Amino acid sequence: MTALSKYEIFGYVRNLLRDKGIEIDHDDSTRPWGGFFVIKDSSLPLFIESFFPNTEIKPAFDNQPLSPKILLIEPGKRFSWQYHKRRSEIWTVAEGRAGLITSADDRQGEMTDFREGDIVRLECGTRHRLIGLDSWGIIAEIWQHTDPNNPSDEEDIVRIEDDFGR
């Protein structure tokens, strides 16, 4: 997957999800670090079965969606050093690998190698950065909303440091 273009990796993942019977709500390939697919809520059971087998996943509050997504991190690119105020996240590497830095405060620690099948839980407020290594990383993600009256959204990002000037 090293030499795939963004267009090709999006096609590959679209086919992968279709073959698993997982329906896509929409995608976004405009992110400078890669992009993502938002999965339809109706496909949540298949999504969990496919990417989080043997992992207990439930909403933090009744009637809150889990907001499943697939993240695509481009080789050599990085997420912002960031955190969220209204959600926790659960990630697993579906294919490939990526680097991951986490911290309880604004200081970045050492990068860990995040490999296929690894699962990480990022609690609300945990600083984190996903890093593309030598090939595309395909990461399955589930949001767990932490504020029942104000669910998280794409704007719920506090950027501490950003390679793209955002």
N, C-alpha and C. Protein backbone atom coordinates (compact mmCIF):
# COMPACT_ATOMS: atom_id res chain seq x y z
N MET A 1 0.82 -1.20 0.00
CA MET A 1 0.00 0.00 0.00
C MET A 1 0.86 1.26 0.00
N THR A 2 2.16 1.11 0.01
CA THR A 2 3.06 2.26 0.08
C THR A 2 2.85 3.22 -1.08
N ALA A 3 2.78 2.69 -2.28
CA ALA A 3 2.78 3.54 -3.47
C ALA A 3 1.39 3.97 -3.93
N LEU A 4 0.37 3.67 -3.18
CA LEU A 4 -0.98 4.04 -3.61
C LEU A 4 -1.20 5.54 -3.47
N SER A 5 -1.88 6.11 -4.46
CA SER A 5 -2.27 7.52 -4.38
C SER A 5 -3.46 7.64 -3.43
N LYS A 6 -3.80 8.85 -3.06
CA LYS A 6 -4.96 9.07 -2.20
C LYS A 6 -6.22 8.53 -2.90
N TYR A 7 -6.36 8.79 -4.18
CA TYR A 7 -7.51 8.30 -4.94
C TYR A 7 -7.58 6.77 -4.86
N GLU A 8 -6.43 6.11 -5.04
CA GLU A 8 -6.40 4.64 -5.03
C GLU A 8 -6.71 4.07 -3.65
N ILE A 9 -6.18 4.67 -2.59
CA ILE A 9 -6.43 4.13 -1.26
C ILE A 9 -7.90 4.32 -0.87
N PHE A 10 -8.50 5.42 -1.29
CA PHE A 10 -9.93 5.61 -1.02
C PHE A 10 -10.76 4.57 -1.75
N GLY A 11 -10.39 4.25 -2.99
CA GLY A 11 -11.08 3.20 -3.73
C GLY A 11 -10.91 1.84 -3.07
N TYR A 12 -9.70 1.57 -2.63
CA TYR A 12 -9.40 0.30 -1.96
C TYR A 12 -10.27 0.14 -0.70
N VAL A 13 -10.32 1.17 0.13
CA VAL A 13 -11.09 1.08 1.38
C VAL A 13 -12.59 1.04 1.09
N ARG A 14 -13.04 1.78 0.10
CA ARG A 14 -14.46 1.74 -0.28
C ARG A 14 -14.84 0.30 -0.64
N ASN A 15 -14.00 -0.38 -1.43
CA ASN A 15 -14.27 -1.78 -1.81
C ASN A 15 -14.18 -2.72 -0.61
N LEU A 16 -13.21 -2.49 0.27
CA LEU A 16 -13.05 -3.31 1.47
C LEU A 16 -14.32 -3.25 2.33
N LEU A 17 -14.84 -2.04 2.54
CA LEU A 17 -16.05 -1.88 3.33
C LEU A 17 -17.25 -2.51 2.64
N ARG A 18 -17.37 -2.30 1.35
CA ARG A 18 -18.49 -2.89 0.60
C ARG A 18 -18.45 -4.42 0.71
N ASP A 19 -17.25 -5.00 0.56
CA ASP A 19 -17.12 -6.46 0.64
C ASP A 19 -17.50 -7.00 2.02
N LYS A 20 -17.37 -6.20 3.05
CA LYS A 20 -17.77 -6.60 4.41
C LYS A 20 -19.24 -6.31 4.68
N GLY A 21 -19.93 -5.67 3.71
CA GLY A 21 -21.33 -5.31 3.89
C GLY A 21 -21.54 -4.06 4.71
N ILE A 22 -20.48 -3.27 4.90
CA ILE A 22 -20.54 -2.05 5.70
C ILE A 22 -20.87 -0.87 4.79
N GLU A 23 -21.93 -0.14 5.14
CA GLU A 23 -22.37 0.99 4.31
C GLU A 23 -21.73 2.30 4.75
N ILE A 24 -21.33 3.08 3.76
CA ILE A 24 -20.68 4.37 3.98
C ILE A 24 -21.74 5.47 3.95
N ASP A 25 -21.72 6.35 4.94
CA ASP A 25 -22.58 7.52 4.94
C ASP A 25 -21.98 8.59 4.03
N HIS A 26 -20.70 8.92 4.26
CA HIS A 26 -19.99 9.86 3.39
C HIS A 26 -18.49 9.74 3.66
N ASP A 27 -17.71 10.35 2.79
CA ASP A 27 -16.26 10.35 2.99
C ASP A 27 -15.72 11.76 2.81
N ASP A 28 -14.48 11.95 3.24
CA ASP A 28 -13.80 13.24 3.12
C ASP A 28 -12.35 12.96 2.76
N SER A 29 -11.98 13.27 1.54
CA SER A 29 -10.60 13.05 1.08
C SER A 29 -9.82 14.36 1.01
N THR A 30 -10.35 15.41 1.63
CA THR A 30 -9.71 16.73 1.53
C THR A 30 -8.76 17.03 2.68
N ARG A 31 -8.65 16.14 3.65
CA ARG A 31 -7.78 16.41 4.79
C ARG A 31 -6.32 16.34 4.36
N PRO A 32 -5.48 17.24 4.85
CA PRO A 32 -4.08 17.25 4.41
C PRO A 32 -3.29 16.02 4.87
N TRP A 33 -3.78 15.29 5.84
CA TRP A 33 -3.12 14.10 6.35
C TRP A 33 -3.68 12.81 5.75
N GLY A 34 -4.71 12.91 4.92
CA GLY A 34 -5.35 11.73 4.33
C GLY A 34 -6.84 11.95 4.21
N GLY A 35 -7.62 11.32 5.08
CA GLY A 35 -9.06 11.51 5.05
C GLY A 35 -9.78 10.44 5.85
N PHE A 36 -11.11 10.36 5.66
CA PHE A 36 -11.88 9.41 6.44
C PHE A 36 -13.18 9.04 5.74
N PHE A 37 -13.75 7.94 6.20
CA PHE A 37 -15.08 7.48 5.83
C PHE A 37 -15.94 7.49 7.08
N VAL A 38 -17.13 8.07 7.00
CA VAL A 38 -18.11 7.97 8.08
C VAL A 38 -19.04 6.82 7.72
N ILE A 39 -19.24 5.92 8.67
CA ILE A 39 -20.02 4.71 8.45
C ILE A 39 -21.46 4.94 8.91
N LYS A 40 -22.42 4.41 8.15
CA LYS A 40 -23.83 4.52 8.55
C LYS A 40 -24.05 3.80 9.87
N ASP A 41 -24.86 4.41 10.73
CA ASP A 41 -25.17 3.80 12.03
C ASP A 41 -25.75 2.40 11.88
N SER A 42 -26.50 2.16 10.81
CA SER A 42 -27.10 0.84 10.60
C SER A 42 -26.04 -0.24 10.39
N SER A 43 -24.82 0.14 10.03
CA SER A 43 -23.73 -0.82 9.83
C SER A 43 -22.86 -1.00 11.07
N LEU A 44 -23.23 -0.36 12.19
CA LEU A 44 -22.41 -0.43 13.39
C LEU A 44 -22.12 -1.87 13.85
N PRO A 45 -23.12 -2.76 13.92
CA PRO A 45 -22.81 -4.13 14.36
C PRO A 45 -21.77 -4.82 13.46
N LEU A 46 -21.90 -4.68 12.15
CA LEU A 46 -20.91 -5.27 11.24
C LEU A 46 -19.54 -4.62 11.39
N PHE A 47 -19.53 -3.30 11.59
CA PHE A 47 -18.28 -2.56 11.78
C PHE A 47 -17.55 -3.07 13.02
N ILE A 48 -18.27 -3.19 14.13
CA ILE A 48 -17.65 -3.68 15.37
C ILE A 48 -17.18 -5.11 15.19
N GLU A 49 -18.00 -5.96 14.59
CA GLU A 49 -17.62 -7.36 14.36
C GLU A 49 -16.37 -7.46 13.48
N SER A 50 -16.27 -6.60 12.48
CA SER A 50 -15.14 -6.65 11.54
C SER A 50 -13.85 -6.09 12.12
N PHE A 51 -13.94 -5.00 12.88
CA PHE A 51 -12.73 -4.29 13.29
C PHE A 51 -12.45 -4.35 14.80
N PHE A 52 -13.45 -4.65 15.61
CA PHE A 52 -13.26 -4.69 17.06
C PHE A 52 -13.80 -5.99 17.66
N PRO A 53 -13.45 -7.14 17.08
CA PRO A 53 -13.96 -8.39 17.65
C PRO A 53 -13.41 -8.58 19.06
N ASN A 54 -14.21 -9.16 19.92
CA ASN A 54 -13.81 -9.43 21.30
C ASN A 54 -13.52 -8.17 22.11
N THR A 55 -14.05 -7.03 21.67
CA THR A 55 -13.86 -5.77 22.39
C THR A 55 -15.23 -5.25 22.80
N GLU A 56 -15.41 -4.98 24.08
CA GLU A 56 -16.69 -4.45 24.54
C GLU A 56 -16.75 -2.96 24.22
N ILE A 57 -17.75 -2.61 23.43
CA ILE A 57 -17.93 -1.21 23.02
C ILE A 57 -19.39 -0.85 23.20
N LYS A 58 -19.63 0.17 24.01
CA LYS A 58 -20.99 0.66 24.18
C LYS A 58 -20.95 2.16 24.41
N PRO A 59 -22.06 2.83 24.14
CA PRO A 59 -22.08 4.29 24.33
C PRO A 59 -21.92 4.66 25.79
N ALA A 60 -21.34 5.83 26.01
CA ALA A 60 -21.18 6.34 27.38
C ALA A 60 -22.54 6.69 27.98
N PHE A 61 -23.50 7.07 27.15
CA PHE A 61 -24.85 7.43 27.59
C PHE A 61 -25.85 6.74 26.69
N ASP A 62 -27.03 6.41 27.24
CA ASP A 62 -28.09 5.82 26.43
C ASP A 62 -28.46 6.76 25.29
N ASN A 63 -28.83 6.17 24.18
CA ASN A 63 -29.31 6.89 23.00
C ASN A 63 -28.25 7.81 22.37
N GLN A 64 -26.99 7.59 22.65
CA GLN A 64 -25.92 8.34 21.98
C GLN A 64 -25.31 7.46 20.89
N PRO A 65 -25.12 7.98 19.70
CA PRO A 65 -24.49 7.18 18.64
C PRO A 65 -23.02 6.93 18.96
N LEU A 66 -22.44 5.92 18.33
CA LEU A 66 -21.03 5.61 18.51
C LEU A 66 -20.15 6.17 17.39
N SER A 67 -20.76 6.68 16.35
CA SER A 67 -20.06 7.40 15.29
C SER A 67 -18.84 6.65 14.73
N PRO A 68 -19.06 5.50 14.08
CA PRO A 68 -17.94 4.74 13.51
C PRO A 68 -17.34 5.42 12.28
N LYS A 69 -16.01 5.34 12.18
CA LYS A 69 -15.29 5.94 11.05
C LYS A 69 -14.10 5.07 10.68
N ILE A 70 -13.62 5.26 9.48
CA ILE A 70 -12.32 4.73 9.05
C ILE A 70 -11.45 5.93 8.73
N LEU A 71 -10.29 6.01 9.38
CA LEU A 71 -9.30 7.06 9.13
C LEU A 71 -8.23 6.51 8.20
N LEU A 72 -7.78 7.34 7.28
CA LEU A 72 -6.67 6.98 6.39
C LEU A 72 -5.55 7.98 6.63
N ILE A 73 -4.41 7.51 7.13
CA ILE A 73 -3.28 8.39 7.41
C ILE A 73 -2.19 8.15 6.36
N GLU A 74 -1.85 9.21 5.67
CA GLU A 74 -0.90 9.15 4.56
C GLU A 74 0.53 8.98 5.08
N PRO A 75 1.36 8.22 4.37
CA PRO A 75 2.76 8.09 4.78
C PRO A 75 3.42 9.46 4.91
N GLY A 76 4.12 9.66 6.03
CA GLY A 76 4.86 10.90 6.25
C GLY A 76 4.03 12.07 6.75
N LYS A 77 2.73 11.90 6.93
CA LYS A 77 1.86 12.99 7.41
C LYS A 77 1.48 12.72 8.87
N ARG A 78 1.04 13.78 9.55
CA ARG A 78 0.67 13.66 10.96
C ARG A 78 -0.62 14.40 11.25
N PHE A 79 -1.41 13.83 12.16
CA PHE A 79 -2.53 14.57 12.74
C PHE A 79 -1.96 15.75 13.51
N SER A 80 -2.82 16.69 13.81
CA SER A 80 -2.47 17.72 14.78
C SER A 80 -2.15 17.04 16.12
N TRP A 81 -1.33 17.70 16.93
CA TRP A 81 -1.20 17.32 18.34
C TRP A 81 -2.45 17.92 18.97
N GLN A 82 -3.39 17.09 19.41
CA GLN A 82 -4.75 17.55 19.67
C GLN A 82 -5.41 16.78 20.80
N TYR A 83 -6.58 17.30 21.20
CA TYR A 83 -7.45 16.56 22.10
C TYR A 83 -8.89 17.00 21.84
N HIS A 84 -9.81 16.29 22.48
CA HIS A 84 -11.24 16.55 22.30
C HIS A 84 -11.88 16.81 23.66
N LYS A 85 -12.86 17.71 23.69
CA LYS A 85 -13.55 18.07 24.93
C LYS A 85 -14.82 17.26 25.17
N ARG A 86 -15.38 16.65 24.10
CA ARG A 86 -16.69 16.01 24.24
C ARG A 86 -16.73 14.57 23.74
N ARG A 87 -15.57 13.94 23.63
CA ARG A 87 -15.58 12.54 23.22
C ARG A 87 -14.31 11.81 23.65
N SER A 88 -14.50 10.52 23.85
CA SER A 88 -13.40 9.56 23.94
C SER A 88 -13.40 8.83 22.61
N GLU A 89 -12.29 8.18 22.29
CA GLU A 89 -12.19 7.45 21.03
C GLU A 89 -11.56 6.09 21.26
N ILE A 90 -11.97 5.13 20.45
CA ILE A 90 -11.35 3.81 20.43
C ILE A 90 -10.85 3.61 19.01
N TRP A 91 -9.57 3.27 18.89
CA TRP A 91 -8.95 3.06 17.58
C TRP A 91 -8.37 1.66 17.49
N THR A 92 -8.37 1.12 16.28
CA THR A 92 -7.60 -0.09 15.98
C THR A 92 -7.04 0.05 14.58
N VAL A 93 -5.87 -0.53 14.37
CA VAL A 93 -5.28 -0.53 13.03
C VAL A 93 -5.93 -1.68 12.26
N ALA A 94 -6.69 -1.33 11.23
CA ALA A 94 -7.34 -2.33 10.39
C ALA A 94 -6.35 -2.93 9.40
N GLU A 95 -5.48 -2.09 8.84
CA GLU A 95 -4.43 -2.54 7.92
C GLU A 95 -3.26 -1.58 8.00
N GLY A 96 -2.07 -2.11 7.82
CA GLY A 96 -0.87 -1.28 7.83
C GLY A 96 -0.40 -1.04 9.25
N ARG A 97 0.22 0.10 9.44
CA ARG A 97 0.66 0.51 10.77
C ARG A 97 0.76 2.03 10.80
N ALA A 98 0.92 2.57 11.99
CA ALA A 98 1.04 4.02 12.16
C ALA A 98 1.80 4.28 13.45
N GLY A 99 2.27 5.50 13.60
CA GLY A 99 2.85 5.92 14.86
C GLY A 99 1.77 6.58 15.69
N LEU A 100 1.93 6.52 17.00
CA LEU A 100 0.96 7.13 17.90
C LEU A 100 1.69 7.75 19.09
N ILE A 101 1.37 9.01 19.37
CA ILE A 101 1.87 9.69 20.55
C ILE A 101 0.66 10.07 21.39
N THR A 102 0.72 9.78 22.68
CA THR A 102 -0.35 10.19 23.60
C THR A 102 0.27 10.81 24.85
N SER A 103 -0.51 11.64 25.52
CA SER A 103 -0.05 12.27 26.75
C SER A 103 -1.25 12.82 27.52
N ALA A 104 -1.10 12.93 28.82
CA ALA A 104 -2.14 13.53 29.66
C ALA A 104 -2.02 15.05 29.67
N ASP A 105 -0.90 15.59 29.17
CA ASP A 105 -0.71 17.04 29.13
C ASP A 105 -0.18 17.45 27.75
N ASP A 106 0.22 18.70 27.60
CA ASP A 106 0.59 19.21 26.28
C ASP A 106 1.97 18.78 25.80
N ARG A 107 2.75 18.12 26.64
CA ARG A 107 4.09 17.66 26.24
C ARG A 107 3.98 16.35 25.47
N GLN A 108 4.59 16.32 24.28
CA GLN A 108 4.58 15.10 23.49
C GLN A 108 5.65 14.14 23.99
N GLY A 109 5.25 12.91 24.18
CA GLY A 109 6.19 11.87 24.59
C GLY A 109 6.74 11.13 23.39
N GLU A 110 7.18 9.93 23.64
CA GLU A 110 7.74 9.09 22.59
C GLU A 110 6.63 8.49 21.73
N MET A 111 6.95 8.29 20.47
CA MET A 111 6.02 7.64 19.55
C MET A 111 6.06 6.13 19.79
N THR A 112 4.88 5.51 19.79
CA THR A 112 4.80 4.06 19.83
C THR A 112 4.35 3.57 18.47
N ASP A 113 4.75 2.36 18.14
CA ASP A 113 4.37 1.74 16.88
C ASP A 113 3.00 1.10 17.07
N PHE A 114 2.04 1.55 16.32
CA PHE A 114 0.65 1.14 16.40
C PHE A 114 0.42 0.19 15.23
N ARG A 115 0.32 -1.12 15.51
CA ARG A 115 0.30 -2.15 14.46
C ARG A 115 -1.08 -2.77 14.28
N GLU A 116 -1.21 -3.46 13.15
CA GLU A 116 -2.47 -4.10 12.80
C GLU A 116 -2.99 -4.94 13.97
N GLY A 117 -4.24 -4.69 14.35
CA GLY A 117 -4.88 -5.40 15.44
C GLY A 117 -4.74 -4.73 16.80
N ASP A 118 -3.79 -3.81 16.94
CA ASP A 118 -3.65 -3.08 18.21
C ASP A 118 -4.89 -2.22 18.44
N ILE A 119 -5.31 -2.14 19.69
CA ILE A 119 -6.46 -1.30 20.06
C ILE A 119 -6.00 -0.30 21.11
N VAL A 120 -6.40 0.95 20.94
CA VAL A 120 -6.07 1.98 21.92
C VAL A 120 -7.35 2.74 22.26
N ARG A 121 -7.51 3.04 23.53
CA ARG A 121 -8.63 3.87 24.00
C ARG A 121 -8.07 5.23 24.39
N LEU A 122 -8.59 6.25 23.77
CA LEU A 122 -8.18 7.63 24.04
C LEU A 122 -9.29 8.29 24.84
N GLU A 123 -9.05 8.51 26.12
CA GLU A 123 -10.06 9.13 26.97
C GLU A 123 -10.22 10.60 26.61
N CYS A 124 -11.38 11.14 26.91
CA CYS A 124 -11.65 12.55 26.65
C CYS A 124 -10.55 13.39 27.29
N GLY A 125 -9.97 14.30 26.52
CA GLY A 125 -8.91 15.17 27.02
C GLY A 125 -7.51 14.64 26.81
N THR A 126 -7.36 13.37 26.44
CA THR A 126 -6.03 12.82 26.19
C THR A 126 -5.45 13.44 24.93
N ARG A 127 -4.26 13.98 25.05
CA ARG A 127 -3.58 14.52 23.87
C ARG A 127 -3.12 13.35 23.01
N HIS A 128 -3.24 13.52 21.70
CA HIS A 128 -2.85 12.43 20.81
C HIS A 128 -2.48 12.94 19.43
N ARG A 129 -1.67 12.14 18.76
CA ARG A 129 -1.25 12.44 17.39
C ARG A 129 -1.02 11.11 16.68
N LEU A 130 -1.70 10.92 15.56
CA LEU A 130 -1.50 9.77 14.70
C LEU A 130 -0.48 10.16 13.64
N ILE A 131 0.45 9.27 13.33
CA ILE A 131 1.55 9.58 12.41
C ILE A 131 1.61 8.52 11.32
N GLY A 132 1.60 8.96 10.06
CA GLY A 132 1.77 8.05 8.94
C GLY A 132 3.23 7.63 8.84
N LEU A 133 3.47 6.35 8.71
CA LEU A 133 4.84 5.85 8.63
C LEU A 133 5.20 5.56 7.18
N ASP A 134 5.60 4.34 6.86
CA ASP A 134 6.10 4.05 5.51
C ASP A 134 5.02 3.65 4.52
N SER A 135 3.80 3.46 4.97
CA SER A 135 2.69 3.11 4.08
C SER A 135 1.41 3.68 4.67
N TRP A 136 0.33 3.66 3.90
CA TRP A 136 -0.95 4.15 4.39
C TRP A 136 -1.37 3.34 5.61
N GLY A 137 -1.86 4.02 6.62
CA GLY A 137 -2.45 3.35 7.77
C GLY A 137 -3.96 3.47 7.69
N ILE A 138 -4.64 2.35 7.88
CA ILE A 138 -6.10 2.31 7.86
C ILE A 138 -6.55 2.03 9.29
N ILE A 139 -7.19 3.03 9.90
CA ILE A 139 -7.54 2.98 11.31
C ILE A 139 -9.06 2.99 11.46
N ALA A 140 -9.61 2.00 12.15
CA ALA A 140 -11.04 2.01 12.49
C ALA A 140 -11.19 2.78 13.80
N GLU A 141 -12.19 3.65 13.84
CA GLU A 141 -12.38 4.54 14.98
C GLU A 141 -13.85 4.54 15.40
N ILE A 142 -14.06 4.58 16.70
CA ILE A 142 -15.40 4.76 17.25
C ILE A 142 -15.35 5.90 18.26
N TRP A 143 -16.27 6.83 18.11
CA TRP A 143 -16.40 7.92 19.08
C TRP A 143 -17.35 7.49 20.18
N GLN A 144 -17.01 7.85 21.41
CA GLN A 144 -17.92 7.71 22.54
C GLN A 144 -18.15 9.11 23.09
N HIS A 145 -19.33 9.64 22.84
CA HIS A 145 -19.66 11.01 23.25
C HIS A 145 -19.72 11.09 24.77
N THR A 146 -19.13 12.14 25.33
CA THR A 146 -19.05 12.27 26.79
C THR A 146 -19.99 13.33 27.36
N ASP A 147 -20.64 14.09 26.49
CA ASP A 147 -21.61 15.10 26.94
C ASP A 147 -22.96 14.74 26.33
N PRO A 148 -23.90 14.21 27.12
CA PRO A 148 -25.17 13.75 26.55
C PRO A 148 -26.00 14.87 25.93
N ASN A 149 -25.77 16.10 26.34
CA ASN A 149 -26.54 17.23 25.81
C ASN A 149 -25.87 17.93 24.64
N ASN A 150 -24.63 17.58 24.35
CA ASN A 150 -23.88 18.23 23.29
C ASN A 150 -22.90 17.23 22.68
N PRO A 151 -23.40 16.30 21.84
CA PRO A 151 -22.52 15.28 21.27
C PRO A 151 -21.37 15.92 20.46
N SER A 152 -20.28 15.21 20.41
CA SER A 152 -19.10 15.67 19.69
C SER A 152 -19.38 15.74 18.19
N ASP A 153 -18.55 16.52 17.51
CA ASP A 153 -18.62 16.63 16.05
C ASP A 153 -17.21 16.91 15.54
N GLU A 154 -17.07 17.13 14.24
CA GLU A 154 -15.75 17.35 13.64
C GLU A 154 -15.08 18.63 14.14
N GLU A 155 -15.85 19.54 14.71
CA GLU A 155 -15.28 20.79 15.24
C GLU A 155 -14.72 20.63 16.65
N ASP A 156 -14.97 19.50 17.27
CA ASP A 156 -14.51 19.25 18.64
C ASP A 156 -13.03 18.82 18.63
N ILE A 157 -12.18 19.75 18.24
CA ILE A 157 -10.74 19.51 18.20
C ILE A 157 -10.03 20.73 18.77
N VAL A 158 -9.23 20.50 19.79
CA VAL A 158 -8.35 21.55 20.30
C VAL A 158 -6.96 21.21 19.78
N ARG A 159 -6.47 22.04 18.86
CA ARG A 159 -5.15 21.79 18.27
C ARG A 159 -4.08 22.52 19.07
N ILE A 160 -3.12 21.78 19.55
CA ILE A 160 -2.00 22.35 20.29
C ILE A 160 -0.87 22.68 19.33
N GLU A 161 -0.67 21.80 18.35
CA GLU A 161 0.36 21.98 17.32
C GLU A 161 -0.17 21.36 16.04
N ASP A 162 0.11 22.01 14.91
CA ASP A 162 -0.44 21.52 13.64
C ASP A 162 0.55 21.79 12.51
N ASP A 163 0.86 20.76 11.75
CA ASP A 163 1.79 20.89 10.62
C ASP A 163 1.20 21.68 9.46
N PHE A 164 -0.11 21.89 9.46
CA PHE A 164 -0.79 22.48 8.31
C PHE A 164 -1.34 23.87 8.58
N GLY A 165 -0.95 24.47 9.69
CA GLY A 165 -1.33 25.84 9.99
C GLY A 165 -2.80 26.05 10.29
N ARG A 166 -3.47 25.03 10.77
CA ARG A 166 -4.89 25.17 11.10
C ARG A 166 -5.05 25.65 12.52
